[in-house]
Amino acid sequence: MTEARDDPRYRFWEAFLERARLAGSPHATIPPSTEPFIERRQGQYTWIYRAHEHDASIELYVNGFSNRGNVVFFAELQKHRDEVELEYGGPLMWDQAEGRKYLKVWTPISGGGYGDVKAWPQLHDSMVNSMTRLISSLRPHLATASLTAQGFEVLGR
């Protein structure tokens, strides 16, 4: 049986979290994982880092309300799309597929994935910097979006 520390994703996240800690990221206290993602839940939404063998991304994942509440929350964020993307420094993917429960704002991170070991330092820095910018660009709108969606059933966690 393979130990978690032998898993390439675990090693990727372990190294990532050390760089995140050095950069002062609030996500640095998340434990390493063998999953293709690590996450930090904040109320009705979750900040997620994803890494696959040769690609990576960051996202705001919205799934804390009922289906309708998630749509209302997301619609409130989308009202500020131009402002958010300007603050972020580039376009973001606004993923809202009809009938799906979760919604997300995400962006790919260039530079590889957990299988590209030599690229890790630069990739990790890009992931931390991109998430910092994503949080900063969305933060002014999250409270209003939460209030707008208030009254819709909150899903148990």
Protein backbone atom coordinates (compact mmCIF):
# COMPACT_ATOMS: atom_id res chain seq x y z
CA MET A 1 0.00 0.00 0.00
CA THR A 2 1.32 3.42 -0.96
CA GLU A 3 1.77 5.96 1.80
CA ALA A 4 0.12 9.34 1.23
CA ARG A 5 3.52 11.05 1.24
CA ASP A 6 4.54 8.90 -1.76
CA ASP A 7 1.62 10.17 -3.84
CA PRO A 8 2.72 12.86 -6.34
CA ARG A 9 -0.36 14.98 -5.55
CA TYR A 10 0.45 14.89 -1.83
CA ARG A 11 4.02 16.02 -2.54
CA PHE A 12 2.70 18.75 -4.85
CA TRP A 13 0.31 20.10 -2.19
CA GLU A 14 2.90 19.78 0.55
CA ALA A 15 5.36 21.93 -1.45
CA PHE A 16 2.56 24.30 -2.50
CA LEU A 17 1.41 24.86 1.07
CA GLU A 18 4.94 25.64 2.20
CA ARG A 19 5.21 28.33 -0.50
CA ALA A 20 1.72 29.58 0.42
CA ARG A 21 2.80 29.83 4.07
CA LEU A 22 5.91 31.80 3.12
CA ALA A 23 3.73 34.15 1.03
CA GLY A 24 1.37 34.70 3.97
CA SER A 25 -1.61 33.06 2.27
CA PRO A 26 -4.62 32.41 4.50
CA HIS A 27 -4.88 29.02 2.78
CA ALA A 28 -1.51 27.85 4.09
CA THR A 29 -3.09 25.97 7.00
CA ILE A 30 -4.99 23.56 4.74
CA PRO A 31 -3.48 20.06 5.13
CA PRO A 32 -1.86 18.41 2.09
CA SER A 33 -4.01 15.86 0.28
CA THR A 34 -3.86 13.11 -2.31
CA GLU A 35 -6.93 14.66 -3.96
CA PRO A 36 -6.64 16.82 -7.10
CA PHE A 37 -7.78 19.82 -5.04
CA ILE A 38 -7.49 21.54 -1.70
CA GLU A 39 -10.15 23.88 -0.41
CA ARG A 40 -11.10 26.42 2.25
CA ARG A 41 -14.80 26.83 2.95
CA GLN A 42 -16.09 30.28 3.95
CA GLY A 43 -19.79 30.32 4.71
CA GLN A 44 -21.78 29.48 1.59
CA TYR A 45 -18.85 29.32 -0.81
CA THR A 46 -15.46 27.64 -1.09
CA TRP A 47 -12.07 28.77 -2.40
CA ILE A 48 -10.47 25.87 -4.30
CA TYR A 49 -7.04 25.19 -5.74
CA ARG A 50 -7.01 22.38 -8.34
CA ALA A 51 -4.04 20.55 -9.80
CA HIS A 52 -4.08 17.75 -12.33
CA GLU A 53 -1.06 16.12 -13.90
CA HIS A 54 -0.37 18.91 -16.39
CA ASP A 55 -2.79 21.72 -15.55
CA ALA A 56 -3.99 23.74 -12.59
CA SER A 57 -6.71 26.24 -11.71
CA ILE A 58 -8.19 28.29 -8.89
CA GLU A 59 -11.84 28.96 -8.21
CA LEU A 60 -14.64 30.33 -6.12
CA TYR A 61 -17.14 27.45 -5.83
CA VAL A 62 -20.71 28.39 -4.86
CA ASN A 63 -22.86 25.55 -3.47
CA GLY A 64 -24.05 26.64 -0.03
CA PHE A 65 -27.63 27.62 -0.78
CA SER A 66 -30.51 25.85 -2.48
CA ASN A 67 -30.22 25.65 -6.27
CA ARG A 68 -32.20 28.91 -6.60
CA GLY A 69 -30.15 30.58 -3.84
CA ASN A 70 -26.90 29.65 -5.60
CA VAL A 71 -28.23 31.21 -8.82
CA VAL A 72 -29.27 34.41 -7.00
CA PHE A 73 -25.87 34.63 -5.27
CA PHE A 74 -24.05 34.10 -8.56
CA ALA A 75 -26.24 36.60 -10.43
CA GLU A 76 -25.37 39.25 -7.86
CA LEU A 77 -21.65 38.59 -8.41
CA GLN A 78 -22.12 38.72 -12.18
CA LYS A 79 -23.56 42.24 -11.92
CA HIS A 80 -20.00 43.27 -11.06
CA ARG A 81 -18.23 41.09 -13.63
CA ASP A 82 -16.45 43.93 -15.45
CA GLU A 83 -15.27 45.47 -12.18
CA VAL A 84 -14.17 42.07 -10.80
CA GLU A 85 -12.21 41.18 -13.94
CA LEU A 86 -10.59 44.62 -14.03
CA GLU A 87 -9.52 44.25 -10.39
CA TYR A 88 -8.37 40.66 -11.00
CA GLY A 89 -6.32 41.75 -14.00
CA GLY A 90 -7.87 39.60 -16.71
CA PRO A 91 -10.85 37.56 -17.82
CA LEU A 92 -12.35 34.90 -15.57
CA MET A 93 -14.56 31.94 -16.41
CA TRP A 94 -18.12 32.42 -15.05
CA ASP A 95 -19.43 28.87 -15.03
CA GLN A 96 -23.19 28.60 -14.61
CA ALA A 97 -24.54 25.56 -16.42
CA GLU A 98 -28.34 25.31 -16.39
CA GLY A 99 -29.73 22.76 -13.96
CA ARG A 100 -26.45 22.23 -12.14
CA LYS A 101 -26.43 22.86 -8.40
CA TYR A 102 -23.00 24.46 -8.09
CA LEU A 103 -21.67 27.55 -9.84
CA LYS A 104 -18.12 28.82 -10.03
CA VAL A 105 -15.83 31.62 -11.02
CA TRP A 106 -12.48 30.18 -12.03
CA THR A 107 -9.37 30.61 -14.08
CA PRO A 108 -6.74 28.21 -15.39
CA ILE A 109 -3.18 28.70 -14.18
CA SER A 110 -0.52 28.23 -16.83
CA GLY A 111 2.71 26.48 -16.05
CA GLY A 112 1.81 22.84 -15.60
CA GLY A 113 0.42 20.60 -12.87
CA TYR A 114 1.55 18.13 -10.23
CA GLY A 115 3.36 16.06 -12.87
CA ASP A 116 5.64 18.95 -13.84
CA VAL A 117 7.95 18.92 -10.82
CA LYS A 118 10.54 21.32 -12.22
CA ALA A 119 7.81 23.92 -12.77
CA TRP A 120 6.43 23.69 -9.21
CA PRO A 121 8.04 26.81 -7.69
CA GLN A 122 6.77 29.12 -10.42
CA LEU A 123 3.42 27.30 -10.67
CA HIS A 124 2.90 27.47 -6.89
CA ASP A 125 3.68 31.20 -6.88
CA SER A 126 1.26 31.75 -9.77
CA MET A 127 -1.47 29.82 -7.96
CA VAL A 128 -1.03 31.77 -4.72
CA ASN A 129 -0.87 35.12 -6.54
CA SER A 130 -3.89 34.31 -8.69
CA MET A 131 -5.98 33.21 -5.70
CA THR A 132 -4.99 36.35 -3.78
CA ARG A 133 -6.15 38.47 -6.72
CA LEU A 134 -9.36 36.44 -7.12
CA ILE A 135 -10.27 36.85 -3.45
CA SER A 136 -9.41 40.54 -3.53
CA SER A 137 -11.50 41.17 -6.64
CA LEU A 138 -14.57 39.27 -5.39
CA ARG A 139 -14.44 40.17 -1.69
CA PRO A 140 -16.24 43.56 -2.02
CA HIS A 141 -19.24 41.79 -3.57
CA LEU A 142 -19.54 38.62 -1.48
CA ALA A 143 -21.46 40.13 1.46
CA THR A 144 -24.05 41.69 -0.86
CA ALA A 145 -24.39 38.44 -2.81
CA SER A 146 -24.90 36.54 0.46
CA LEU A 147 -27.55 39.01 1.62
CA THR A 148 -29.31 38.80 -1.74
CA ALA A 149 -29.44 35.01 -1.49
CA GLN A 150 -30.48 35.13 2.18
CA GLY A 151 -33.81 33.47 2.79
CA PHE A 152 -33.10 30.66 0.40
CA GLU A 153 -32.57 27.33 2.08
CA VAL A 154 -29.01 26.99 3.28
CA LEU A 155 -27.64 23.54 2.69
CA GLY A 156 -26.29 21.66 5.67
CA ARG A 157 -22.56 21.13 5.79
